[in-house]
């Protein structure tokens, strides 16, 4: 058996969740644009970035998760003009009935 195959069998692979994300990955994580995240931070409506080193900042994943959980539940599905299947003429439907 080749050494790399043996290492693959006996080396534990641990998937670590990142503790902090840069601006681009933060925007992707919360499904918003970079510009929207920047505006929310400026307005005090999103967790502020933390200084990670002299020239690097990041957003704490824990704080982002808490912010996401605090968002109000929406009764509407995402607009028809978002996502990969931008189909003209399709109107948004309520996610559930209030009845």
PDB file of N, CA and C in Angstrom:
ATOM      1  N   UNK A   1       0.852  -1.180   0.000  1.00  0.00           N
ATOM      2  CA  UNK A   1       0.000   0.000   0.000  1.00  0.00           C
ATOM      3  C   UNK A   1       0.893   1.238   0.000  1.00  0.00           C
ATOM      4  N   UNK A   2       0.585   2.189  -0.825  1.00  0.00           N
ATOM      5  CA  UNK A   2       1.374   3.413  -0.916  1.00  0.00           C
ATOM      6  C   UNK A   2       1.268   4.205   0.381  1.00  0.00           C
ATOM      7  N   UNK A   3       2.319   4.970   0.653  1.00  0.00           N
ATOM      8  CA  UNK A   3       2.348   5.741   1.895  1.00  0.00           C
ATOM      9  C   UNK A   3       1.160   6.705   1.999  1.00  0.00           C
ATOM     10  N   UNK A   4       0.779   7.375   0.900  1.00  0.00           N
ATOM     11  CA  UNK A   4      -0.342   8.311   0.955  1.00  0.00           C
ATOM     12  C   UNK A   4      -1.652   7.592   1.252  1.00  0.00           C
ATOM     13  N   UNK A   5      -1.806   6.362   0.764  1.00  0.00           N
ATOM     14  CA  UNK A   5      -3.016   5.593   1.050  1.00  0.00           C
ATOM     15  C   UNK A   5      -3.066   5.215   2.525  1.00  0.00           C
ATOM     16  N   UNK A   6      -1.921   4.852   3.089  1.00  0.00           N
ATOM     17  CA  UNK A   6      -1.859   4.511   4.513  1.00  0.00           C
ATOM     18  C   UNK A   6      -2.167   5.750   5.350  1.00  0.00           C
ATOM     19  N   UNK A   7      -1.592   6.874   4.966  1.00  0.00           N
ATOM     20  CA  UNK A   7      -1.862   8.110   5.696  1.00  0.00           C
ATOM     21  C   UNK A   7      -3.339   8.465   5.631  1.00  0.00           C
ATOM     22  N   UNK A   8      -3.959   8.248   4.480  1.00  0.00           N
ATOM     23  CA  UNK A   8      -5.380   8.556   4.336  1.00  0.00           C
ATOM     24  C   UNK A   8      -6.225   7.663   5.229  1.00  0.00           C
ATOM     25  N   UNK A   9      -5.806   6.424   5.429  1.00  0.00           N
ATOM     26  CA  UNK A   9      -6.559   5.495   6.268  1.00  0.00           C
ATOM     27  C   UNK A   9      -6.421   5.812   7.750  1.00  0.00           C
ATOM     28  N   UNK A  10      -5.250   6.244   8.155  1.00  0.00           N
ATOM     29  CA  UNK A  10      -4.985   6.378   9.576  1.00  0.00           C
ATOM     30  C   UNK A  10      -4.843   7.814  10.075  1.00  0.00           C
ATOM     31  N   UNK A  11      -4.886   8.779   9.199  1.00  0.00           N
ATOM     32  CA  UNK A  11      -4.810  10.177   9.613  1.00  0.00           C
ATOM     33  C   UNK A  11      -6.222  10.701   9.822  1.00  0.00           C
ATOM     34  N   UNK A  12      -6.546  11.115  11.029  1.00  0.00           N
ATOM     35  CA  UNK A  12      -7.901  11.631  11.249  1.00  0.00           C
ATOM     36  C   UNK A  12      -8.111  12.938  10.481  1.00  0.00           C
ATOM     37  N   UNK A  13      -9.227  13.035   9.830  1.00  0.00           N
ATOM     38  CA  UNK A  13      -9.587  14.251   9.109  1.00  0.00           C
ATOM     39  C   UNK A  13     -10.653  14.971   9.931  1.00  0.00           C
ATOM     40  N   UNK A  14     -10.313  16.128  10.402  1.00  0.00           N
ATOM     41  CA  UNK A  14     -11.228  16.898  11.227  1.00  0.00           C
ATOM     42  C   UNK A  14     -11.635  18.144  10.448  1.00  0.00           C
ATOM     43  N   UNK A  15     -12.924  18.305  10.245  1.00  0.00           N
ATOM     44  CA  UNK A  15     -13.423  19.503   9.581  1.00  0.00           C
ATOM     45  C   UNK A  15     -13.670  20.568  10.639  1.00  0.00           C
ATOM     46  N   UNK A  16     -12.937  21.646  10.536  1.00  0.00           N
ATOM     47  CA  UNK A  16     -13.077  22.730  11.501  1.00  0.00           C
ATOM     48  C   UNK A  16     -13.932  23.837  10.913  1.00  0.00           C
ATOM     49  N   UNK A  17     -14.885  24.307  11.680  1.00  0.00           N
ATOM     50  CA  UNK A  17     -15.682  25.459  11.280  1.00  0.00           C
ATOM     51  C   UNK A  17     -14.837  26.699  11.550  1.00  0.00           C
ATOM     52  N   UNK A  18     -14.729  27.601  10.580  1.00  0.00           N
ATOM     53  CA  UNK A  18     -13.909  28.791  10.823  1.00  0.00           C
ATOM     54  C   UNK A  18     -14.494  29.648  11.941  1.00  0.00           C
ATOM     55  N   UNK A  19     -13.623  30.291  12.683  1.00  0.00           N
ATOM     56  CA  UNK A  19     -14.069  31.173  13.750  1.00  0.00           C
ATOM     57  C   UNK A  19     -14.384  32.566  13.257  1.00  0.00           C
ATOM     58  N   UNK A  20     -13.754  32.945  12.136  1.00  0.00           N
ATOM     59  CA  UNK A  20     -13.957  34.280  11.570  1.00  0.00           C
ATOM     60  C   UNK A  20     -13.953  34.186  10.052  1.00  0.00           C
ATOM     61  N   UNK A  21     -14.665  35.117   9.424  1.00  0.00           N
ATOM     62  CA  UNK A  21     -14.747  35.175   7.967  1.00  0.00           C
ATOM     63  C   UNK A  21     -14.378  36.569   7.490  1.00  0.00           C
ATOM     64  N   UNK A  22     -13.781  36.645   6.301  1.00  0.00           N
ATOM     65  CA  UNK A  22     -13.527  37.955   5.711  1.00  0.00           C
ATOM     66  C   UNK A  22     -14.828  38.523   5.157  1.00  0.00           C
ATOM     67  N   UNK A  23     -14.779  39.729   4.629  1.00  0.00           N
ATOM     68  CA  UNK A  23     -15.990  40.417   4.179  1.00  0.00           C
ATOM     69  C   UNK A  23     -16.705  39.663   3.062  1.00  0.00           C
ATOM     70  N   UNK A  24     -15.965  39.200   2.067  1.00  0.00           N
ATOM     71  CA  UNK A  24     -16.585  38.506   0.929  1.00  0.00           C
ATOM     72  C   UNK A  24     -17.264  37.223   1.390  1.00  0.00           C
ATOM     73  N   UNK A  25     -16.580  36.432   2.206  1.00  0.00           N
ATOM     74  CA  UNK A  25     -17.173  35.185   2.693  1.00  0.00           C
ATOM     75  C   UNK A  25     -18.321  35.442   3.660  1.00  0.00           C
ATOM     76  N   UNK A  26     -18.241  36.527   4.418  1.00  0.00           N
ATOM     77  CA  UNK A  26     -19.351  36.896   5.298  1.00  0.00           C
ATOM     78  C   UNK A  26     -20.590  37.208   4.471  1.00  0.00           C
ATOM     79  N   UNK A  27     -20.421  37.976   3.408  1.00  0.00           N
ATOM     80  CA  UNK A  27     -21.549  38.315   2.537  1.00  0.00           C
ATOM     81  C   UNK A  27     -22.158  37.053   1.933  1.00  0.00           C
ATOM     82  N   UNK A  28     -21.326  36.128   1.477  1.00  0.00           N
ATOM     83  CA  UNK A  28     -21.834  34.866   0.932  1.00  0.00           C
ATOM     84  C   UNK A  28     -22.544  34.055   2.009  1.00  0.00           C
ATOM     85  N   UNK A  29     -21.996  34.049   3.201  1.00  0.00           N
ATOM     86  CA  UNK A  29     -22.551  33.272   4.313  1.00  0.00           C
ATOM     87  C   UNK A  29     -23.968  33.720   4.665  1.00  0.00           C
ATOM     88  N   UNK A  30     -24.215  35.034   4.593  1.00  0.00           N
ATOM     89  CA  UNK A  30     -25.537  35.560   4.956  1.00  0.00           C
ATOM     90  C   UNK A  30     -26.409  35.850   3.738  1.00  0.00           C
ATOM     91  N   UNK A  31     -25.936  35.499   2.547  1.00  0.00           N
ATOM     92  CA  UNK A  31     -26.688  35.659   1.290  1.00  0.00           C
ATOM     93  C   UNK A  31     -27.039  37.117   1.007  1.00  0.00           C
ATOM     94  N   UNK A  32     -26.089  38.004   1.280  1.00  0.00           N
ATOM     95  CA  UNK A  32     -26.239  39.424   0.975  1.00  0.00           C
ATOM     96  C   UNK A  32     -25.040  39.868   0.152  1.00  0.00           C
ATOM     97  N   UNK A  33     -25.149  41.035  -0.456  1.00  0.00           N
ATOM     98  CA  UNK A  33     -24.010  41.568  -1.199  1.00  0.00           C
ATOM     99  C   UNK A  33     -23.000  42.177  -0.225  1.00  0.00           C
ATOM    100  N   UNK A  34     -21.770  42.314  -0.696  1.00  0.00           N
ATOM    101  CA  UNK A  34     -20.730  42.948   0.111  1.00  0.00           C
ATOM    102  C   UNK A  34     -21.158  44.364   0.485  1.00  0.00           C
ATOM    103  N   UNK A  35     -21.724  45.088  -0.467  1.00  0.00           N
ATOM    104  CA  UNK A  35     -22.170  46.459  -0.223  1.00  0.00           C
ATOM    105  C   UNK A  35     -23.237  46.512   0.864  1.00  0.00           C
ATOM    106  N   UNK A  36     -24.168  45.571   0.844  1.00  0.00           N
ATOM    107  CA  UNK A  36     -25.225  45.549   1.857  1.00  0.00           C
ATOM    108  C   UNK A  36     -24.644  45.258   3.235  1.00  0.00           C
ATOM    109  N   UNK A  37     -23.706  44.319   3.322  1.00  0.00           N
ATOM    110  CA  UNK A  37     -23.069  44.025   4.612  1.00  0.00           C
ATOM    111  C   UNK A  37     -22.340  45.266   5.117  1.00  0.00           C
ATOM    112  N   UNK A  38     -21.607  45.947   4.248  1.00  0.00           N
ATOM    113  CA  UNK A  38     -20.896  47.164   4.658  1.00  0.00           C
ATOM    114  C   UNK A  38     -21.869  48.222   5.170  1.00  0.00           C
ATOM    115  N   UNK A  39     -22.989  48.393   4.486  1.00  0.00           N
ATOM    116  CA  UNK A  39     -23.991  49.377   4.914  1.00  0.00           C
ATOM    117  C   UNK A  39     -24.582  48.990   6.266  1.00  0.00           C
ATOM    118  N   UNK A  40     -24.909  47.712   6.448  1.00  0.00           N
ATOM    119  CA  UNK A  40     -25.462  47.256   7.724  1.00  0.00           C
ATOM    120  C   UNK A  40     -24.473  47.491   8.864  1.00  0.00           C
ATOM    121  N   UNK A  41     -23.182  47.253   8.609  1.00  0.00           N
ATOM    122  CA  UNK A  41     -22.160  47.491   9.636  1.00  0.00           C
ATOM    123  C   UNK A  41     -22.099  48.980   9.963  1.00  0.00           C
ATOM    124  N   UNK A  42     -22.073  49.824   8.931  1.00  0.00           N
ATOM    125  CA  UNK A  42     -22.026  51.284   9.158  1.00  0.00           C
ATOM    126  C   UNK A  42     -23.229  51.759   9.953  1.00  0.00           C
ATOM    127  N   UNK A  43     -24.405  51.181   9.670  1.00  0.00           N
ATOM    128  CA  UNK A  43     -25.640  51.579  10.358  1.00  0.00           C
ATOM    129  C   UNK A  43     -25.778  50.949  11.743  1.00  0.00           C
ATOM    130  N   UNK A  44     -24.845  50.071  12.117  1.00  0.00           N
ATOM    131  CA  UNK A  44     -24.912  49.402  13.411  1.00  0.00           C
ATOM    132  C   UNK A  44     -25.922  48.273  13.457  1.00  0.00           C
ATOM    133  N   UNK A  45     -26.332  47.773  12.283  1.00  0.00           N
ATOM    134  CA  UNK A  45     -27.338  46.712  12.210  1.00  0.00           C
ATOM    135  C   UNK A  45     -26.743  45.341  11.907  1.00  0.00           C
ATOM    136  N   UNK A  46     -25.424  45.215  11.974  1.00  0.00           N
ATOM    137  CA  UNK A  46     -24.730  43.954  11.705  1.00  0.00           C
ATOM    138  C   UNK A  46     -23.519  43.911  12.620  1.00  0.00           C
ATOM    139  N   UNK A  47     -23.099  42.727  13.048  1.00  0.00           N
ATOM    140  CA  UNK A  47     -21.928  42.653  13.932  1.00  0.00           C
ATOM    141  C   UNK A  47     -20.701  43.327  13.309  1.00  0.00           C
ATOM    142  N   UNK A  48     -19.997  44.078  14.098  1.00  0.00           N
ATOM    143  CA  UNK A  48     -18.794  44.770  13.628  1.00  0.00           C
ATOM    144  C   UNK A  48     -17.658  43.771  13.435  1.00  0.00           C
ATOM    145  N   UNK A  49     -16.780  44.036  12.477  1.00  0.00           N
ATOM    146  CA  UNK A  49     -15.628  43.152  12.296  1.00  0.00           C
ATOM    147  C   UNK A  49     -14.657  43.289  13.464  1.00  0.00           C
ATOM    148  N   UNK A  50     -13.853  42.250  13.656  1.00  0.00           N
ATOM    149  CA  UNK A  50     -12.843  42.233  14.724  1.00  0.00           C
ATOM    150  C   UNK A  50     -11.456  42.303  14.097  1.00  0.00           C
ATOM    151  N   UNK A  51     -10.546  42.989  14.766  1.00  0.00           N
ATOM    152  CA  UNK A  51      -9.164  43.043  14.285  1.00  0.00           C
ATOM    153  C   UNK A  51      -8.505  41.691  14.564  1.00  0.00           C
ATOM    154  N   UNK A  52      -8.037  41.039  13.502  1.00  0.00           N
ATOM    155  CA  UNK A  52      -7.387  39.738  13.640  1.00  0.00           C
ATOM    156  C   UNK A  52      -5.873  39.881  13.691  1.00  0.00           C
ATOM    157  N   UNK A  53      -5.354  40.880  12.997  1.00  0.00           N
ATOM    158  CA  UNK A  53      -3.925  41.188  13.021  1.00  0.00           C
ATOM    159  C   UNK A  53      -3.777  42.657  12.654  1.00  0.00           C
ATOM    160  N   UNK A  54      -2.566  43.091  12.417  1.00  0.00           N
ATOM    161  CA  UNK A  54      -2.337  44.499  12.124  1.00  0.00           C
ATOM    162  C   UNK A  54      -3.109  45.030  10.933  1.00  0.00           C
ATOM    163  N   UNK A  55      -3.259  44.211   9.897  1.00  0.00           N
ATOM    164  CA  UNK A  55      -3.930  44.679   8.683  1.00  0.00           C
ATOM    165  C   UNK A  55      -5.071  43.772   8.256  1.00  0.00           C
ATOM    166  N   UNK A  56      -5.585  42.986   9.157  1.00  0.00           N
ATOM    167  CA  UNK A  56      -6.629  42.024   8.789  1.00  0.00           C
ATOM    168  C   UNK A  56      -7.769  42.076   9.795  1.00  0.00           C
ATOM    169  N   UNK A  57      -8.996  42.119   9.273  1.00  0.00           N
ATOM    170  CA  UNK A  57     -10.175  42.057  10.129  1.00  0.00           C
ATOM    171  C   UNK A  57     -11.047  40.900   9.667  1.00  0.00           C
ATOM    172  N   UNK A  58     -11.903  40.448  10.552  1.00  0.00           N
ATOM    173  CA  UNK A  58     -12.822  39.368  10.214  1.00  0.00           C
ATOM    174  C   UNK A  58     -14.071  39.462  11.067  1.00  0.00           C
ATOM    175  N   UNK A  59     -15.115  38.826  10.584  1.00  0.00           N
ATOM    176  CA  UNK A  59     -16.386  38.785  11.301  1.00  0.00           C
ATOM    177  C   UNK A  59     -16.473  37.451  12.035  1.00  0.00           C
ATOM    178  N   UNK A  60     -16.811  37.485  13.322  1.00  0.00           N
ATOM    179  CA  UNK A  60     -16.926  36.253  14.094  1.00  0.00           C
ATOM    180  C   UNK A  60     -18.154  35.468  13.637  1.00  0.00           C
ATOM    181  N   UNK A  61     -17.947  34.207  13.301  1.00  0.00           N
ATOM    182  CA  UNK A  61     -19.038  33.360  12.812  1.00  0.00           C
ATOM    183  C   UNK A  61     -20.129  33.241  13.876  1.00  0.00           C
ATOM    184  N   UNK A  62     -19.744  33.139  15.127  1.00  0.00           N
ATOM    185  CA  UNK A  62     -20.713  33.034  16.223  1.00  0.00           C
ATOM    186  C   UNK A  62     -21.638  34.249  16.247  1.00  0.00           C
ATOM    187  N   UNK A  63     -21.069  35.451  16.089  1.00  0.00           N
ATOM    188  CA  UNK A  63     -21.885  36.667  16.084  1.00  0.00           C
ATOM    189  C   UNK A  63     -22.769  36.749  14.839  1.00  0.00           C
ATOM    190  N   UNK A  64     -22.246  36.290  13.711  1.00  0.00           N
ATOM    191  CA  UNK A  64     -23.053  36.267  12.485  1.00  0.00           C
ATOM    192  C   UNK A  64     -24.228  35.320  12.664  1.00  0.00           C
ATOM    193  N   UNK A  65     -23.967  34.138  13.234  1.00  0.00           N
ATOM    194  CA  UNK A  65     -25.045  33.164  13.467  1.00  0.00           C
ATOM    195  C   UNK A  65     -26.112  33.738  14.396  1.00  0.00           C
ATOM    196  N   UNK A  66     -25.679  34.432  15.453  1.00  0.00           N
ATOM    197  CA  UNK A  66     -26.640  35.055  16.373  1.00  0.00           C
ATOM    198  C   UNK A  66     -27.465  36.114  15.649  1.00  0.00           C
ATOM    199  N   UNK A  67     -26.817  36.895  14.784  1.00  0.00           N
ATOM    200  CA  UNK A  67     -27.521  37.918  14.011  1.00  0.00           C
ATOM    201  C   UNK A  67     -28.555  37.266  13.096  1.00  0.00           C
ATOM    202  N   UNK A  68     -28.167  36.183  12.432  1.00  0.00           N
ATOM    203  CA  UNK A  68     -29.095  35.476  11.544  1.00  0.00           C
ATOM    204  C   UNK A  68     -30.293  34.940  12.313  1.00  0.00           C
ATOM    205  N   UNK A  69     -30.053  34.340  13.469  1.00  0.00           N
ATOM    206  CA  UNK A  69     -31.143  33.781  14.276  1.00  0.00           C
ATOM    207  C   UNK A  69     -32.101  34.868  14.757  1.00  0.00           C
ATOM    208  N   UNK A  70     -31.603  36.086  14.920  1.00  0.00           N
ATOM    209  CA  UNK A  70     -32.437  37.188  15.408  1.00  0.00           C
ATOM    210  C   UNK A  70     -33.279  37.831  14.302  1.00  0.00           C
ATOM    211  N   UNK A  71     -33.028  37.461  13.050  1.00  0.00           N
ATOM    212  CA  UNK A  71     -33.813  38.026  11.938  1.00  0.00           C
ATOM    213  C   UNK A  71     -35.252  37.551  12.052  1.00  0.00           C
ATOM    214  N   UNK A  72     -36.209  38.425  11.738  1.00  0.00           N
ATOM    215  CA  UNK A  72     -37.617  38.011  11.804  1.00  0.00           C
ATOM    216  C   UNK A  72     -37.937  36.976  10.724  1.00  0.00           C
ATOM    217  N   UNK A  73     -38.885  36.126  11.025  1.00  0.00           N
ATOM    218  CA  UNK A  73     -39.339  35.121  10.066  1.00  0.00           C
ATOM    219  C   UNK A  73     -40.126  35.831   8.977  1.00  0.00           C
ATOM    220  N   UNK A  74     -39.882  35.454   7.735  1.00  0.00           N
ATOM    221  CA  UNK A  74     -40.568  36.067   6.604  1.00  0.00           C
ATOM    222  C   UNK A  74     -41.707  35.174   6.141  1.00  0.00           C
ATOM    223  N   UNK A  75     -42.799  35.789   5.731  1.00  0.00           N
ATOM    224  CA  UNK A  75     -43.917  35.021   5.184  1.00  0.00           C
ATOM    225  C   UNK A  75     -43.827  34.932   3.666  1.00  0.00           C
ATOM    226  N   UNK A  76     -42.825  35.561   3.092  1.00  0.00           N
ATOM    227  CA  UNK A  76     -42.662  35.551   1.642  1.00  0.00           C
ATOM    228  C   UNK A  76     -41.454  34.715   1.242  1.00  0.00           C
ATOM    229  N   UNK A  77     -41.577  34.025   0.122  1.00  0.00           N
ATOM    230  CA  UNK A  77     -40.439  33.344  -0.469  1.00  0.00           C
ATOM    231  C   UNK A  77     -39.528  34.396  -1.094  1.00  0.00           C
ATOM    232  N   UNK A  78     -38.280  34.036  -1.410  1.00  0.00           N
ATOM    233  CA  UNK A  78     -37.410  35.013  -2.065  1.00  0.00           C
ATOM    234  C   UNK A  78     -38.038  35.512  -3.367  1.00  0.00           C
ATOM    235  N   UNK A  79     -37.745  36.751  -3.762  1.00  0.00           N
ATOM    236  CA  UNK A  79     -38.316  37.288  -5.000  1.00  0.00           C
ATOM    237  C   UNK A  79     -37.948  36.434  -6.202  1.00  0.00           C
ATOM    238  N   UNK A  80     -38.789  36.486  -7.221  1.00  0.00           N
ATOM    239  CA  UNK A  80     -38.580  35.669  -8.407  1.00  0.00           C
ATOM    240  C   UNK A  80     -37.340  36.072  -9.185  1.00  0.00           C
ATOM    241  N   UNK A  81     -36.824  37.251  -8.980  1.00  0.00           N
ATOM    242  CA  UNK A  81     -35.679  37.712  -9.758  1.00  0.00           C
ATOM    243  C   UNK A  81     -34.349  37.415  -9.081  1.00  0.00           C
ATOM    244  N   UNK A  82     -34.336  36.528  -8.105  1.00  0.00           N
ATOM    245  CA  UNK A  82     -33.093  36.162  -7.443  1.00  0.00           C
ATOM    246  C   UNK A  82     -32.780  34.707  -7.713  1.00  0.00           C
ATOM    247  N   UNK A  83     -31.544  34.343  -7.528  1.00  0.00           N
ATOM    248  CA  UNK A  83     -31.149  32.954  -7.704  1.00  0.00           C
ATOM    249  C   UNK A  83     -30.780  32.639  -9.140  1.00  0.00           C
ATOM    250  N   UNK A  84     -30.574  31.353  -9.400  1.00  0.00           N
ATOM    251  CA  UNK A  84     -30.093  30.902 -10.700  1.00  0.00           C
ATOM    252  C   UNK A  84     -31.190  30.835 -11.746  1.00  0.00           C
ATOM    253  N   UNK A  85     -32.408  30.720 -11.338  1.00  0.00           N
ATOM    254  CA  UNK A  85     -33.487  30.554 -12.317  1.00  0.00           C
ATOM    255  C   UNK A  85     -34.339  31.812 -12.380  1.00  0.00           C
ATOM    256  N   UNK A  86     -33.758  32.868 -12.883  1.00  0.00           N
ATOM    257  CA  UNK A  86     -34.485  34.136 -13.014  1.00  0.00           C
ATOM    258  C   UNK A  86     -35.518  33.991 -14.122  1.00  0.00           C
ATOM    259  N   UNK A  87     -36.717  33.627 -13.751  1.00  0.00           N
ATOM    260  CA  UNK A  87     -37.769  33.394 -14.733  1.00  0.00           C
ATOM    261  C   UNK A  87     -38.688  34.596 -14.773  1.00  0.00           C
ATOM    262  N   UNK A  88     -38.763  35.280 -15.914  1.00  0.00           N
ATOM    263  CA  UNK A  88     -39.665  36.429 -15.994  1.00  0.00           C
ATOM    264  C   UNK A  88     -41.117  35.988 -15.907  1.00  0.00           C
ATOM    265  N   UNK A  89     -41.924  36.821 -15.285  1.00  0.00           N
ATOM    266  CA  UNK A  89     -43.352  36.549 -15.209  1.00  0.00           C
ATOM    267  C   UNK A  89     -43.786  35.694 -14.037  1.00  0.00           C
ATOM    268  N   UNK A  90     -42.851  35.217 -13.228  1.00  0.00           N
ATOM    269  CA  UNK A  90     -43.204  34.399 -12.064  1.00  0.00           C
ATOM    270  C   UNK A  90     -43.312  35.321 -10.866  1.00  0.00           C
ATOM    271  N   UNK A  91     -44.452  35.328 -10.217  1.00  0.00           N
ATOM    272  CA  UNK A  91     -44.681  36.215  -9.076  1.00  0.00           C
ATOM    273  C   UNK A  91     -44.348  35.484  -7.772  1.00  0.00           C
ATOM    274  N   UNK A  92     -43.812  36.206  -6.759  1.00  0.00           N
ATOM    275  CA  UNK A  92     -43.508  35.562  -5.481  1.00  0.00           C
ATOM    276  C   UNK A  92     -44.776  35.074  -4.797  1.00  0.00           C
ATOM    277  N   UNK A  93     -44.669  33.949  -4.139  1.00  0.00           N
ATOM    278  CA  UNK A  93     -45.787  33.348  -3.422  1.00  0.00           C
ATOM    279  C   UNK A  93     -45.484  33.354  -1.932  1.00  0.00           C
ATOM    280  N   UNK A  94     -46.509  33.495  -1.084  1.00  0.00           N
ATOM    281  CA  UNK A  94     -46.267  33.403   0.358  1.00  0.00           C
ATOM    282  C   UNK A  94     -45.681  32.036   0.716  1.00  0.00           C
ATOM    283  N   UNK A  95     -44.767  32.022   1.677  1.00  0.00           N
ATOM    284  CA  UNK A  95     -44.155  30.769   2.103  1.00  0.00           C
ATOM    285  C   UNK A  95     -45.169  29.873   2.797  1.00  0.00           C
ATOM    286  N   UNK A  96     -46.129  30.468   3.483  1.00  0.00           N
ATOM    287  CA  UNK A  96     -47.184  29.700   4.136  1.00  0.00           C
ATOM    288  C   UNK A  96     -48.410  30.582   4.286  1.00  0.00           C
ATOM    289  N   UNK A  97     -49.518  29.951   4.491  1.00  0.00           N
ATOM    290  CA  UNK A  97     -50.768  30.687   4.640  1.00  0.00           C
ATOM    291  C   UNK A  97     -50.947  31.100   6.093  1.00  0.00           C
ATOM    292  N   UNK A  98     -51.462  32.281   6.322  1.00  0.00           N
ATOM    293  CA  UNK A  98     -51.670  32.784   7.681  1.00  0.00           C
ATOM    294  C   UNK A  98     -52.944  32.222   8.301  1.00  0.00           C
ATOM    295  N   UNK A  99     -53.642  31.350   7.601  1.00  0.00           N
ATOM    296  CA  UNK A  99     -54.904  30.786   8.103  1.00  0.00           C
ATOM    297  C   UNK A  99     -54.676  29.779   9.185  1.00  0.00           C
TER     298      UNK A  99
END
